[in-house]
């Protein structure tokens, strides 16, 4: 069985229009290809299991984002026009963009600048955090009524959500990504801009085998 044909992962989303188009949730996503997605989980789950877990994490993240009733943009690699994305049977209501060339900082700033041309608030998320629910995303967006930015840190030192009403290159430039300093450095950059920041409770990303303890209780079946 390949990651394309897993019987376990289904997306229960209706193709309704976003009820709050002033806000955009940008979900950065990599296609859950075999031996290319969640490779650090392979020692625990194997090559196929890691790919299937990546698929489940992605579909769950999309489902939660769409359930917020905000506009949802998938910012993807490979390109949005690649036929691999058609295998996931995603809802028609999604907006699509292709990740810019360059490091993660360049990709984040490019997507943020483009989205702020059309929306008043944006939040950036990934697909690594099963506990980032629709309710938590909505709570984060509400903070932008009274703050310039909002962050949900990750317990590994990164962040699972970053939102703002305006963007500055300094939030994403010269960051050593995938290290324990990302959230701390970003918080300092926000402070240096003179912005107010709402800091919410940290959540667990699923990146390493030891992180599997933080999966929902029945999720290991998706890797089988």
N, C-alpha and C. Protein backbone atom coordinates (compact mmCIF):
# COMPACT_ATOMS: atom_id res chain seq x y z
N UNK A 1 0.85 -1.21 0.00
CA UNK A 1 0.00 0.00 0.00
C UNK A 1 0.88 1.25 0.00
N UNK A 2 0.56 2.21 -0.83
CA UNK A 2 1.32 3.45 -0.88
C UNK A 2 0.58 4.54 -0.12
N UNK A 3 1.26 5.69 0.04
CA UNK A 3 0.61 6.81 0.72
C UNK A 3 -0.56 7.36 -0.07
N UNK A 4 -0.65 7.02 -1.36
CA UNK A 4 -1.75 7.53 -2.17
C UNK A 4 -3.06 6.81 -1.89
N UNK A 5 -2.98 5.59 -1.36
CA UNK A 5 -4.18 4.77 -1.30
C UNK A 5 -4.55 4.33 0.10
N UNK A 6 -4.07 5.06 1.11
CA UNK A 6 -4.40 4.69 2.48
C UNK A 6 -5.90 4.76 2.70
N UNK A 7 -6.51 3.69 3.24
CA UNK A 7 -7.95 3.71 3.45
C UNK A 7 -8.33 4.42 4.73
N UNK A 8 -7.33 4.83 5.52
CA UNK A 8 -7.63 5.34 6.86
C UNK A 8 -7.95 6.83 6.89
N UNK A 9 -7.41 7.59 5.94
CA UNK A 9 -7.48 9.04 6.03
C UNK A 9 -8.53 9.57 5.08
N UNK A 10 -9.57 10.16 5.63
CA UNK A 10 -10.60 10.78 4.82
C UNK A 10 -10.81 12.19 5.33
N UNK A 11 -11.27 13.05 4.45
CA UNK A 11 -11.47 14.46 4.77
C UNK A 11 -12.95 14.74 4.74
N UNK A 12 -13.51 15.10 5.88
CA UNK A 12 -14.94 15.34 5.98
C UNK A 12 -15.19 16.85 6.01
N UNK A 13 -15.12 17.47 4.84
CA UNK A 13 -15.27 18.91 4.71
C UNK A 13 -16.30 19.17 3.63
N UNK A 14 -17.21 20.10 3.89
CA UNK A 14 -18.14 20.51 2.85
C UNK A 14 -17.55 21.71 2.13
N UNK A 15 -17.88 21.84 0.86
CA UNK A 15 -17.32 22.90 0.04
C UNK A 15 -18.14 24.19 0.19
N UNK A 16 -18.16 24.71 1.39
CA UNK A 16 -18.83 25.98 1.66
C UNK A 16 -17.84 27.12 1.52
N UNK A 17 -18.35 28.32 1.35
CA UNK A 17 -17.49 29.48 1.26
C UNK A 17 -17.05 29.93 2.65
N UNK A 18 -15.86 30.50 2.73
CA UNK A 18 -15.38 31.02 4.00
C UNK A 18 -16.31 32.11 4.51
N UNK A 19 -16.64 32.05 5.79
CA UNK A 19 -17.56 33.01 6.39
C UNK A 19 -16.84 34.28 6.84
N UNK A 20 -15.52 34.23 6.96
CA UNK A 20 -14.75 35.38 7.44
C UNK A 20 -13.60 35.64 6.47
N UNK A 21 -13.89 36.19 5.30
CA UNK A 21 -12.86 36.34 4.28
C UNK A 21 -11.79 37.38 4.61
N UNK A 22 -12.00 38.18 5.68
CA UNK A 22 -10.98 39.15 6.05
C UNK A 22 -9.76 38.48 6.66
N UNK A 23 -9.89 37.20 7.03
CA UNK A 23 -8.79 36.45 7.66
C UNK A 23 -8.40 35.28 6.77
N UNK A 24 -7.08 35.08 6.63
CA UNK A 24 -6.57 33.97 5.83
C UNK A 24 -5.65 33.11 6.66
N UNK A 25 -5.92 31.82 6.67
CA UNK A 25 -5.03 30.84 7.27
C UNK A 25 -4.17 30.27 6.15
N UNK A 26 -2.87 30.51 6.21
CA UNK A 26 -1.95 29.99 5.20
C UNK A 26 -1.28 28.74 5.77
N UNK A 27 -1.55 27.62 5.15
CA UNK A 27 -1.01 26.34 5.60
C UNK A 27 0.12 25.94 4.65
N UNK A 28 1.33 25.91 5.18
CA UNK A 28 2.49 25.50 4.39
C UNK A 28 2.56 23.98 4.37
N UNK A 29 2.57 23.43 3.18
CA UNK A 29 2.44 21.98 3.05
C UNK A 29 3.41 21.43 2.02
N UNK A 30 3.98 20.29 2.36
CA UNK A 30 4.78 19.51 1.43
C UNK A 30 4.00 18.23 1.13
N UNK A 31 3.98 17.82 -0.12
CA UNK A 31 3.24 16.61 -0.46
C UNK A 31 3.82 15.42 0.30
N UNK A 32 2.97 14.59 0.90
CA UNK A 32 3.45 13.49 1.74
C UNK A 32 3.95 12.30 0.92
N UNK A 33 5.03 12.51 0.19
CA UNK A 33 5.56 11.49 -0.69
C UNK A 33 6.41 10.47 0.07
N UNK A 34 6.39 9.27 -0.41
CA UNK A 34 7.17 8.19 0.19
C UNK A 34 8.65 8.55 0.24
N UNK A 35 9.25 8.38 1.40
CA UNK A 35 10.68 8.59 1.62
C UNK A 35 11.10 10.05 1.49
N UNK A 36 10.11 10.98 1.49
CA UNK A 36 10.44 12.40 1.43
C UNK A 36 9.73 13.20 2.52
N UNK A 37 8.70 12.63 3.12
CA UNK A 37 7.93 13.34 4.13
C UNK A 37 8.07 12.64 5.47
N UNK A 38 8.29 13.43 6.52
CA UNK A 38 8.42 12.92 7.89
C UNK A 38 9.47 11.82 7.98
N UNK A 39 10.59 12.02 7.32
CA UNK A 39 11.62 10.98 7.29
C UNK A 39 12.22 10.72 8.67
N UNK A 40 12.17 11.70 9.57
CA UNK A 40 12.72 11.48 10.91
C UNK A 40 11.87 10.51 11.72
N UNK A 41 10.66 10.23 11.26
CA UNK A 41 9.81 9.25 11.93
C UNK A 41 10.05 7.82 11.42
N UNK A 42 10.87 7.68 10.38
CA UNK A 42 11.06 6.36 9.79
C UNK A 42 11.63 5.32 10.76
N UNK A 43 12.55 5.68 11.68
CA UNK A 43 13.03 4.65 12.61
C UNK A 43 11.91 4.01 13.43
N UNK A 44 10.84 4.76 13.68
CA UNK A 44 9.72 4.22 14.46
C UNK A 44 8.61 3.66 13.59
N UNK A 45 8.37 4.27 12.43
CA UNK A 45 7.20 3.91 11.64
C UNK A 45 7.53 3.22 10.32
N UNK A 46 8.81 3.24 9.91
CA UNK A 46 9.17 2.72 8.60
C UNK A 46 8.91 3.75 7.52
N UNK A 47 9.37 3.46 6.31
CA UNK A 47 9.24 4.41 5.21
C UNK A 47 7.77 4.64 4.86
N UNK A 48 7.00 3.56 4.69
CA UNK A 48 5.59 3.71 4.33
C UNK A 48 4.80 4.33 5.46
N UNK A 49 5.07 3.90 6.70
CA UNK A 49 4.34 4.42 7.83
C UNK A 49 4.57 5.90 8.04
N UNK A 50 5.80 6.36 7.84
CA UNK A 50 6.10 7.78 7.99
C UNK A 50 5.35 8.60 6.94
N UNK A 51 5.30 8.10 5.70
CA UNK A 51 4.57 8.81 4.65
C UNK A 51 3.08 8.86 4.95
N UNK A 52 2.53 7.75 5.45
CA UNK A 52 1.10 7.75 5.78
C UNK A 52 0.80 8.67 6.96
N UNK A 53 1.72 8.75 7.93
CA UNK A 53 1.51 9.68 9.04
C UNK A 53 1.58 11.12 8.55
N UNK A 54 2.49 11.41 7.63
CA UNK A 54 2.56 12.75 7.05
C UNK A 54 1.26 13.10 6.35
N UNK A 55 0.69 12.13 5.65
CA UNK A 55 -0.59 12.35 4.96
C UNK A 55 -1.69 12.64 5.97
N UNK A 56 -1.76 11.86 7.04
CA UNK A 56 -2.79 12.07 8.05
C UNK A 56 -2.65 13.43 8.72
N UNK A 57 -1.42 13.81 9.05
CA UNK A 57 -1.18 15.12 9.65
C UNK A 57 -1.63 16.24 8.72
N UNK A 58 -1.33 16.10 7.44
CA UNK A 58 -1.71 17.14 6.48
C UNK A 58 -3.23 17.23 6.34
N UNK A 59 -3.89 16.09 6.15
CA UNK A 59 -5.34 16.12 5.97
C UNK A 59 -6.04 16.64 7.22
N UNK A 60 -5.55 16.25 8.39
CA UNK A 60 -6.12 16.75 9.63
C UNK A 60 -5.94 18.27 9.74
N UNK A 61 -4.77 18.76 9.38
CA UNK A 61 -4.51 20.20 9.47
C UNK A 61 -5.40 20.97 8.52
N UNK A 62 -5.60 20.45 7.31
CA UNK A 62 -6.50 21.10 6.37
C UNK A 62 -7.93 21.12 6.91
N UNK A 63 -8.36 19.98 7.44
CA UNK A 63 -9.72 19.90 7.98
C UNK A 63 -9.94 20.92 9.08
N UNK A 64 -8.98 21.04 10.00
CA UNK A 64 -9.12 21.99 11.10
C UNK A 64 -9.09 23.43 10.58
N UNK A 65 -8.23 23.71 9.62
CA UNK A 65 -8.16 25.07 9.08
C UNK A 65 -9.47 25.46 8.41
N UNK A 66 -10.02 24.56 7.60
CA UNK A 66 -11.27 24.86 6.91
C UNK A 66 -12.42 25.04 7.90
N UNK A 67 -12.40 24.28 9.00
CA UNK A 67 -13.47 24.37 10.00
C UNK A 67 -13.51 25.71 10.72
N UNK A 68 -12.47 26.53 10.57
CA UNK A 68 -12.48 27.86 11.20
C UNK A 68 -13.43 28.82 10.51
N UNK A 69 -13.81 28.53 9.26
CA UNK A 69 -14.60 29.42 8.41
C UNK A 69 -13.81 30.62 7.92
N UNK A 70 -12.49 30.60 8.07
CA UNK A 70 -11.65 31.60 7.46
C UNK A 70 -11.25 31.13 6.05
N UNK A 71 -10.76 32.05 5.24
CA UNK A 71 -10.15 31.64 3.98
C UNK A 71 -8.93 30.78 4.28
N UNK A 72 -8.77 29.69 3.56
CA UNK A 72 -7.63 28.81 3.75
C UNK A 72 -6.84 28.73 2.45
N UNK A 73 -5.57 29.06 2.55
CA UNK A 73 -4.66 28.97 1.41
C UNK A 73 -3.63 27.89 1.68
N UNK A 74 -3.51 26.95 0.76
CA UNK A 74 -2.44 25.97 0.82
C UNK A 74 -1.26 26.52 0.02
N UNK A 75 -0.14 26.71 0.71
CA UNK A 75 1.07 27.17 0.06
C UNK A 75 1.99 25.95 -0.03
N UNK A 76 2.17 25.43 -1.23
CA UNK A 76 2.62 24.04 -1.35
C UNK A 76 3.93 23.89 -2.11
N UNK A 77 4.55 22.75 -1.86
CA UNK A 77 5.69 22.22 -2.59
C UNK A 77 5.48 20.72 -2.74
N UNK A 78 5.56 20.19 -3.98
CA UNK A 78 5.84 20.87 -5.25
C UNK A 78 4.71 21.82 -5.65
N UNK A 79 4.83 22.39 -6.84
CA UNK A 79 3.92 23.44 -7.29
C UNK A 79 2.46 23.01 -7.21
N UNK A 80 1.61 24.00 -7.03
CA UNK A 80 0.17 23.74 -6.93
C UNK A 80 -0.38 23.07 -8.18
N UNK A 81 0.30 23.22 -9.30
CA UNK A 81 -0.15 22.62 -10.56
C UNK A 81 0.29 21.17 -10.70
N UNK A 82 1.11 20.67 -9.78
CA UNK A 82 1.58 19.29 -9.87
C UNK A 82 0.41 18.34 -9.65
N UNK A 83 0.34 17.30 -10.45
CA UNK A 83 -0.80 16.38 -10.38
C UNK A 83 -0.84 15.57 -9.08
N UNK A 84 0.25 15.55 -8.32
CA UNK A 84 0.23 14.79 -7.07
C UNK A 84 -0.85 15.28 -6.12
N UNK A 85 -1.14 16.58 -6.15
CA UNK A 85 -2.13 17.11 -5.22
C UNK A 85 -3.53 16.61 -5.51
N UNK A 86 -3.78 16.23 -6.76
CA UNK A 86 -5.10 15.73 -7.12
C UNK A 86 -5.40 14.40 -6.44
N UNK A 87 -4.37 13.67 -6.01
CA UNK A 87 -4.58 12.37 -5.39
C UNK A 87 -5.16 12.49 -3.98
N UNK A 88 -5.14 13.68 -3.40
CA UNK A 88 -5.62 13.85 -2.03
C UNK A 88 -7.10 14.22 -1.96
N UNK A 89 -7.72 14.51 -3.10
CA UNK A 89 -9.16 14.82 -3.15
C UNK A 89 -9.53 15.93 -2.17
N UNK A 90 -8.86 17.04 -2.28
CA UNK A 90 -9.07 18.16 -1.35
C UNK A 90 -10.26 19.00 -1.79
N UNK A 91 -10.87 19.74 -0.84
CA UNK A 91 -12.09 20.50 -1.17
C UNK A 91 -11.82 21.65 -2.13
N UNK A 92 -12.81 21.97 -2.93
CA UNK A 92 -12.68 23.01 -3.94
C UNK A 92 -12.50 24.40 -3.35
N UNK A 93 -12.93 24.61 -2.11
CA UNK A 93 -12.89 25.95 -1.53
C UNK A 93 -11.48 26.43 -1.21
N UNK A 94 -10.50 25.54 -1.22
CA UNK A 94 -9.15 25.94 -0.87
C UNK A 94 -8.57 26.90 -1.90
N UNK A 95 -7.83 27.89 -1.40
CA UNK A 95 -7.00 28.71 -2.26
C UNK A 95 -5.62 28.03 -2.36
N UNK A 96 -4.95 28.21 -3.46
CA UNK A 96 -3.68 27.54 -3.68
C UNK A 96 -2.59 28.54 -4.06
N UNK A 97 -1.39 28.31 -3.58
CA UNK A 97 -0.23 29.04 -4.04
C UNK A 97 0.97 28.10 -3.98
N UNK A 98 1.99 28.43 -4.72
CA UNK A 98 3.22 27.63 -4.75
C UNK A 98 4.28 28.33 -3.91
N UNK A 99 4.97 27.57 -3.09
CA UNK A 99 6.01 28.16 -2.25
C UNK A 99 7.09 28.81 -3.11
N UNK A 100 7.54 29.98 -2.68
CA UNK A 100 8.58 30.70 -3.40
C UNK A 100 9.91 29.94 -3.31
N UNK A 101 10.80 30.24 -4.22
CA UNK A 101 12.15 29.70 -4.14
C UNK A 101 12.88 30.34 -2.97
N UNK A 102 13.84 29.62 -2.40
CA UNK A 102 14.61 30.18 -1.31
C UNK A 102 14.39 29.43 -0.01
N UNK A 103 14.97 29.95 1.06
CA UNK A 103 14.84 29.27 2.35
C UNK A 103 13.44 29.50 2.93
N UNK A 104 13.18 28.88 4.08
CA UNK A 104 11.85 28.96 4.67
C UNK A 104 11.45 30.40 4.94
N UNK A 105 12.40 31.22 5.39
CA UNK A 105 12.09 32.62 5.65
C UNK A 105 11.59 33.34 4.42
N UNK A 106 12.23 33.10 3.29
CA UNK A 106 11.80 33.72 2.04
C UNK A 106 10.41 33.25 1.65
N UNK A 107 10.15 31.96 1.85
CA UNK A 107 8.83 31.43 1.50
C UNK A 107 7.74 32.01 2.39
N UNK A 108 8.06 32.18 3.69
CA UNK A 108 7.07 32.74 4.61
C UNK A 108 6.78 34.20 4.33
N UNK A 109 7.80 34.99 4.09
CA UNK A 109 7.58 36.41 3.86
C UNK A 109 6.85 36.64 2.54
N UNK A 110 7.19 35.86 1.51
CA UNK A 110 6.53 36.03 0.22
C UNK A 110 5.05 35.72 0.32
N UNK A 111 4.71 34.61 0.95
CA UNK A 111 3.30 34.24 1.10
C UNK A 111 2.55 35.25 1.96
N UNK A 112 3.20 35.75 3.01
CA UNK A 112 2.55 36.71 3.90
C UNK A 112 2.27 38.02 3.19
N UNK A 113 3.24 38.52 2.45
CA UNK A 113 3.05 39.78 1.73
C UNK A 113 1.93 39.66 0.71
N UNK A 114 1.89 38.55 0.00
CA UNK A 114 0.84 38.36 -1.01
C UNK A 114 -0.53 38.29 -0.35
N UNK A 115 -0.64 37.58 0.77
CA UNK A 115 -1.95 37.41 1.43
C UNK A 115 -2.45 38.72 2.02
N UNK A 116 -1.55 39.55 2.53
CA UNK A 116 -1.97 40.81 3.15
C UNK A 116 -2.44 41.84 2.12
N UNK A 117 -2.25 41.55 0.85
CA UNK A 117 -2.84 42.41 -0.18
C UNK A 117 -4.34 42.19 -0.28
N UNK A 118 -4.80 41.03 0.23
CA UNK A 118 -6.21 40.66 0.08
C UNK A 118 -6.94 40.49 1.41
N UNK A 119 -6.20 40.34 2.50
CA UNK A 119 -6.81 40.03 3.80
C UNK A 119 -6.26 40.95 4.89
N UNK A 120 -7.08 41.17 5.92
CA UNK A 120 -6.67 42.05 7.01
C UNK A 120 -5.83 41.33 8.06
N UNK A 121 -6.08 40.06 8.23
CA UNK A 121 -5.35 39.26 9.21
C UNK A 121 -4.90 37.97 8.53
N UNK A 122 -3.69 37.53 8.88
CA UNK A 122 -3.26 36.23 8.40
C UNK A 122 -2.60 35.46 9.53
N UNK A 123 -2.73 34.15 9.47
CA UNK A 123 -2.00 33.28 10.38
C UNK A 123 -1.31 32.22 9.55
N UNK A 124 -0.08 31.92 9.91
CA UNK A 124 0.73 30.92 9.24
C UNK A 124 0.78 29.67 10.09
N UNK A 125 0.51 28.53 9.48
CA UNK A 125 0.59 27.27 10.20
C UNK A 125 1.27 26.24 9.32
N UNK A 126 1.67 25.13 9.93
CA UNK A 126 2.17 23.99 9.19
C UNK A 126 1.24 22.81 9.36
N UNK A 127 1.76 21.62 9.11
CA UNK A 127 0.92 20.43 9.23
C UNK A 127 1.54 19.42 10.19
N UNK A 128 2.27 19.91 11.18
CA UNK A 128 3.00 19.03 12.09
C UNK A 128 2.33 18.86 13.45
N UNK A 129 1.22 19.58 13.69
CA UNK A 129 0.69 19.67 15.05
C UNK A 129 -0.76 19.19 15.10
N UNK A 130 -1.02 17.96 15.52
CA UNK A 130 -2.40 17.46 15.56
C UNK A 130 -3.27 18.15 16.59
N UNK A 131 -2.68 18.81 17.58
CA UNK A 131 -3.48 19.50 18.60
C UNK A 131 -3.79 20.95 18.23
N UNK A 132 -3.37 21.39 17.04
CA UNK A 132 -3.76 22.72 16.56
C UNK A 132 -5.14 22.61 15.92
N UNK A 133 -6.15 22.76 16.75
CA UNK A 133 -7.54 22.58 16.33
C UNK A 133 -8.12 23.86 15.76
N UNK A 134 -9.28 23.73 15.14
CA UNK A 134 -9.98 24.90 14.62
C UNK A 134 -10.23 25.92 15.73
N UNK A 135 -10.59 25.43 16.90
CA UNK A 135 -10.87 26.35 18.01
C UNK A 135 -9.62 27.12 18.43
N UNK A 136 -8.48 26.45 18.43
CA UNK A 136 -7.24 27.14 18.81
C UNK A 136 -6.84 28.17 17.74
N UNK A 137 -7.06 27.84 16.49
CA UNK A 137 -6.78 28.82 15.43
C UNK A 137 -7.70 30.02 15.57
N UNK A 138 -8.98 29.78 15.82
CA UNK A 138 -9.93 30.88 15.99
C UNK A 138 -9.56 31.76 17.19
N UNK A 139 -9.15 31.13 18.28
CA UNK A 139 -8.73 31.89 19.46
C UNK A 139 -7.53 32.77 19.13
N UNK A 140 -6.60 32.22 18.37
CA UNK A 140 -5.41 32.99 17.98
C UNK A 140 -5.81 34.19 17.13
N UNK A 141 -6.69 33.98 16.17
CA UNK A 141 -7.11 35.08 15.31
C UNK A 141 -7.81 36.17 16.12
N UNK A 142 -8.60 35.77 17.10
CA UNK A 142 -9.28 36.76 17.95
C UNK A 142 -8.29 37.68 18.66
N UNK A 143 -7.10 37.16 18.97
CA UNK A 143 -6.10 37.98 19.65
C UNK A 143 -5.64 39.15 18.78
N UNK A 144 -5.78 39.01 17.47
CA UNK A 144 -5.35 40.07 16.57
C UNK A 144 -6.29 41.27 16.58
N UNK A 145 -7.42 41.16 17.28
CA UNK A 145 -8.27 42.34 17.49
C UNK A 145 -7.60 43.33 18.44
N UNK A 146 -6.75 42.81 19.32
CA UNK A 146 -6.16 43.66 20.36
C UNK A 146 -4.63 43.65 20.34
N UNK A 147 -4.02 42.81 19.51
CA UNK A 147 -2.57 42.71 19.45
C UNK A 147 -2.10 42.78 18.00
N UNK A 148 -0.85 43.16 17.83
CA UNK A 148 -0.29 43.23 16.48
C UNK A 148 0.08 41.86 15.94
N UNK A 149 0.39 40.93 16.85
CA UNK A 149 0.81 39.59 16.43
C UNK A 149 0.38 38.58 17.47
N UNK A 150 0.35 37.33 17.05
CA UNK A 150 -0.01 36.23 17.96
C UNK A 150 0.87 35.04 17.61
N UNK A 151 1.26 34.30 18.65
CA UNK A 151 2.09 33.12 18.44
C UNK A 151 1.61 31.99 19.32
N UNK A 152 1.59 30.80 18.75
CA UNK A 152 1.49 29.57 19.53
C UNK A 152 2.83 28.87 19.39
N UNK A 153 3.64 28.86 20.44
CA UNK A 153 4.95 28.21 20.35
C UNK A 153 4.80 26.69 20.24
N UNK A 154 5.85 26.07 19.76
CA UNK A 154 5.99 24.62 19.81
C UNK A 154 6.91 24.26 20.97
N UNK A 155 6.68 23.13 21.56
CA UNK A 155 7.48 22.73 22.71
C UNK A 155 8.95 22.48 22.34
N UNK A 156 9.25 22.35 21.05
CA UNK A 156 10.64 22.13 20.64
C UNK A 156 11.39 23.43 20.38
N UNK A 157 10.74 24.57 20.63
CA UNK A 157 11.41 25.85 20.47
C UNK A 157 11.03 26.60 19.21
N UNK A 158 10.26 25.97 18.34
CA UNK A 158 9.74 26.66 17.17
C UNK A 158 8.38 27.25 17.47
N UNK A 159 7.57 27.39 16.43
CA UNK A 159 6.17 27.79 16.67
C UNK A 159 5.27 27.03 15.71
N UNK A 160 4.04 26.79 16.15
CA UNK A 160 3.08 26.09 15.31
C UNK A 160 2.12 27.06 14.63
N UNK A 161 2.08 28.30 15.10
CA UNK A 161 1.22 29.34 14.50
C UNK A 161 1.85 30.69 14.76
N UNK A 162 1.86 31.52 13.73
CA UNK A 162 2.26 32.92 13.86
C UNK A 162 1.29 33.74 13.04
N UNK A 163 0.69 34.74 13.66
CA UNK A 163 -0.29 35.57 12.97
C UNK A 163 -0.02 37.04 13.17
N UNK A 164 -0.51 37.86 12.24
CA UNK A 164 -0.27 39.30 12.33
C UNK A 164 -1.22 40.03 11.38
N UNK A 165 -1.28 41.36 11.56
CA UNK A 165 -2.08 42.22 10.69
C UNK A 165 -1.21 42.99 9.70
N UNK A 166 0.09 42.97 9.93
CA UNK A 166 1.06 43.53 9.00
C UNK A 166 2.30 42.67 9.12
N UNK A 167 3.19 42.79 8.16
CA UNK A 167 4.35 41.91 8.18
C UNK A 167 5.62 42.72 7.96
N UNK A 168 6.70 42.22 8.50
CA UNK A 168 8.00 42.85 8.33
C UNK A 168 9.03 41.77 8.01
N UNK A 169 9.92 42.07 7.09
CA UNK A 169 10.92 41.07 6.68
C UNK A 169 11.72 40.53 7.85
N UNK A 170 11.93 41.36 8.87
CA UNK A 170 12.79 40.95 9.99
C UNK A 170 12.24 39.75 10.75
N UNK A 171 10.94 39.48 10.63
CA UNK A 171 10.35 38.34 11.33
C UNK A 171 10.89 37.01 10.80
N UNK A 172 11.40 37.02 9.57
CA UNK A 172 11.77 35.76 8.92
C UNK A 172 13.19 35.74 8.37
N UNK A 173 13.90 36.85 8.44
CA UNK A 173 15.24 36.90 7.86
C UNK A 173 16.30 36.50 8.88
N UNK A 174 17.33 35.83 8.40
CA UNK A 174 18.45 35.42 9.24
C UNK A 174 18.01 34.61 10.45
N UNK A 175 17.07 33.71 10.24
CA UNK A 175 16.61 32.79 11.27
C UNK A 175 17.26 31.42 11.00
N UNK A 176 17.77 30.80 12.04
CA UNK A 176 18.29 29.44 11.89
C UNK A 176 17.12 28.49 12.13
N UNK A 177 16.48 28.06 11.06
CA UNK A 177 15.26 27.29 11.16
C UNK A 177 15.51 25.89 11.70
N UNK A 178 14.45 25.29 12.25
CA UNK A 178 14.51 23.93 12.82
C UNK A 178 15.48 23.84 13.99
N UNK A 179 15.55 24.93 14.75
CA UNK A 179 16.35 24.93 15.98
C UNK A 179 15.48 25.39 17.14
N UNK A 180 15.99 25.20 18.34
CA UNK A 180 15.22 25.54 19.54
C UNK A 180 15.13 27.04 19.80
N UNK A 181 15.77 27.85 18.97
CA UNK A 181 15.78 29.30 19.20
C UNK A 181 14.77 30.06 18.35
N UNK A 182 14.06 29.38 17.46
CA UNK A 182 13.23 30.07 16.48
C UNK A 182 12.17 30.95 17.15
N UNK A 183 11.43 30.41 18.09
CA UNK A 183 10.36 31.18 18.73
C UNK A 183 10.93 32.35 19.53
N UNK A 184 12.02 32.12 20.25
CA UNK A 184 12.62 33.17 21.07
C UNK A 184 13.12 34.32 20.20
N UNK A 185 13.81 33.98 19.12
CA UNK A 185 14.30 35.01 18.21
C UNK A 185 13.14 35.78 17.59
N UNK A 186 12.10 35.07 17.17
CA UNK A 186 10.95 35.72 16.55
C UNK A 186 10.25 36.64 17.54
N UNK A 187 10.11 36.21 18.78
CA UNK A 187 9.50 37.07 19.80
C UNK A 187 10.32 38.35 19.99
N UNK A 188 11.64 38.22 19.95
CA UNK A 188 12.47 39.40 20.09
C UNK A 188 12.33 40.33 18.89
N UNK A 189 12.20 39.76 17.71
CA UNK A 189 12.00 40.57 16.51
C UNK A 189 10.68 41.35 16.60
N UNK A 190 9.64 40.68 17.10
CA UNK A 190 8.34 41.35 17.29
C UNK A 190 8.50 42.52 18.27
N UNK A 191 9.21 42.27 19.37
CA UNK A 191 9.43 43.33 20.36
C UNK A 191 10.23 44.49 19.76
N UNK A 192 11.23 44.17 18.94
CA UNK A 192 12.06 45.21 18.33
C UNK A 192 11.24 46.09 17.39
N UNK A 193 10.19 45.53 16.80
CA UNK A 193 9.30 46.30 15.94
C UNK A 193 8.35 47.19 16.73
N UNK A 194 8.30 46.97 18.04
CA UNK A 194 7.36 47.71 18.88
C UNK A 194 5.95 47.18 18.81
N UNK A 195 5.80 45.94 18.36
CA UNK A 195 4.48 45.33 18.24
C UNK A 195 4.10 44.64 19.54
N UNK A 196 2.82 44.59 19.79
CA UNK A 196 2.32 43.78 20.90
C UNK A 196 2.10 42.36 20.43
N UNK A 197 2.39 41.40 21.31
CA UNK A 197 2.31 39.98 20.96
C UNK A 197 1.45 39.24 21.96
N UNK A 198 0.47 38.51 21.47
CA UNK A 198 -0.30 37.58 22.31
C UNK A 198 0.38 36.22 22.22
N UNK A 199 0.83 35.72 23.35
CA UNK A 199 1.55 34.44 23.39
C UNK A 199 0.63 33.41 24.02
N UNK A 200 0.26 32.39 23.26
CA UNK A 200 -0.65 31.36 23.73
C UNK A 200 0.13 30.13 24.18
N UNK A 201 -0.58 29.18 24.77
CA UNK A 201 0.07 27.99 25.35
C UNK A 201 0.75 27.17 24.26
N UNK A 202 1.94 26.63 24.54
CA UNK A 202 2.66 25.85 23.54
C UNK A 202 2.00 24.51 23.26
N UNK A 203 2.24 24.00 22.04
CA UNK A 203 1.71 22.72 21.60
C UNK A 203 2.86 21.87 21.05
N UNK A 204 2.58 20.59 20.87
CA UNK A 204 3.61 19.65 20.42
C UNK A 204 3.54 19.43 18.91
N UNK A 205 4.68 19.61 18.26
CA UNK A 205 4.84 19.16 16.88
C UNK A 205 5.19 17.67 16.88
N UNK A 206 4.92 17.02 15.75
CA UNK A 206 5.28 15.61 15.58
C UNK A 206 6.39 15.54 14.54
N UNK A 207 7.63 15.45 15.03
CA UNK A 207 8.79 15.42 14.14
C UNK A 207 9.70 14.23 14.37
N UNK A 208 9.88 13.87 15.63
CA UNK A 208 10.81 12.81 16.01
C UNK A 208 10.03 11.62 16.60
N UNK A 209 10.64 10.43 16.64
CA UNK A 209 9.94 9.28 17.20
C UNK A 209 9.38 9.51 18.60
N UNK A 210 10.10 10.25 19.44
CA UNK A 210 9.60 10.49 20.80
C UNK A 210 8.36 11.38 20.82
N UNK A 211 8.13 12.12 19.73
CA UNK A 211 6.94 12.97 19.66
C UNK A 211 5.67 12.16 19.45
N UNK A 212 5.79 10.92 19.02
CA UNK A 212 4.61 10.10 18.77
C UNK A 212 3.77 9.90 20.02
N UNK A 213 4.37 10.08 21.19
CA UNK A 213 3.61 10.00 22.45
C UNK A 213 2.54 11.08 22.54
N UNK A 214 2.67 12.13 21.73
CA UNK A 214 1.73 13.24 21.78
C UNK A 214 0.67 13.17 20.68
N UNK A 215 0.64 12.07 19.96
CA UNK A 215 -0.42 11.87 18.97
C UNK A 215 -1.75 11.58 19.67
N UNK A 216 -2.88 11.90 19.04
CA UNK A 216 -4.16 11.38 19.54
C UNK A 216 -4.08 9.86 19.70
N UNK A 217 -4.81 9.35 20.65
CA UNK A 217 -4.64 7.96 21.08
C UNK A 217 -4.81 6.92 19.97
N UNK A 218 -5.61 7.22 18.96
CA UNK A 218 -5.87 6.22 17.92
C UNK A 218 -5.13 6.48 16.62
N UNK A 219 -4.17 7.39 16.62
CA UNK A 219 -3.56 7.80 15.35
C UNK A 219 -2.50 6.84 14.83
N UNK A 220 -1.90 6.02 15.67
CA UNK A 220 -0.87 5.13 15.15
C UNK A 220 -1.40 4.16 14.11
N UNK A 221 -2.71 3.96 14.11
CA UNK A 221 -3.29 3.08 13.07
C UNK A 221 -3.06 3.63 11.67
N UNK A 222 -2.90 4.96 11.57
CA UNK A 222 -2.72 5.55 10.24
C UNK A 222 -1.36 5.18 9.65
N UNK A 223 -0.42 4.77 10.48
CA UNK A 223 0.91 4.42 9.99
C UNK A 223 1.01 2.94 9.64
N UNK A 224 -0.04 2.19 9.83
CA UNK A 224 0.01 0.74 9.61
C UNK A 224 -0.39 0.37 8.20
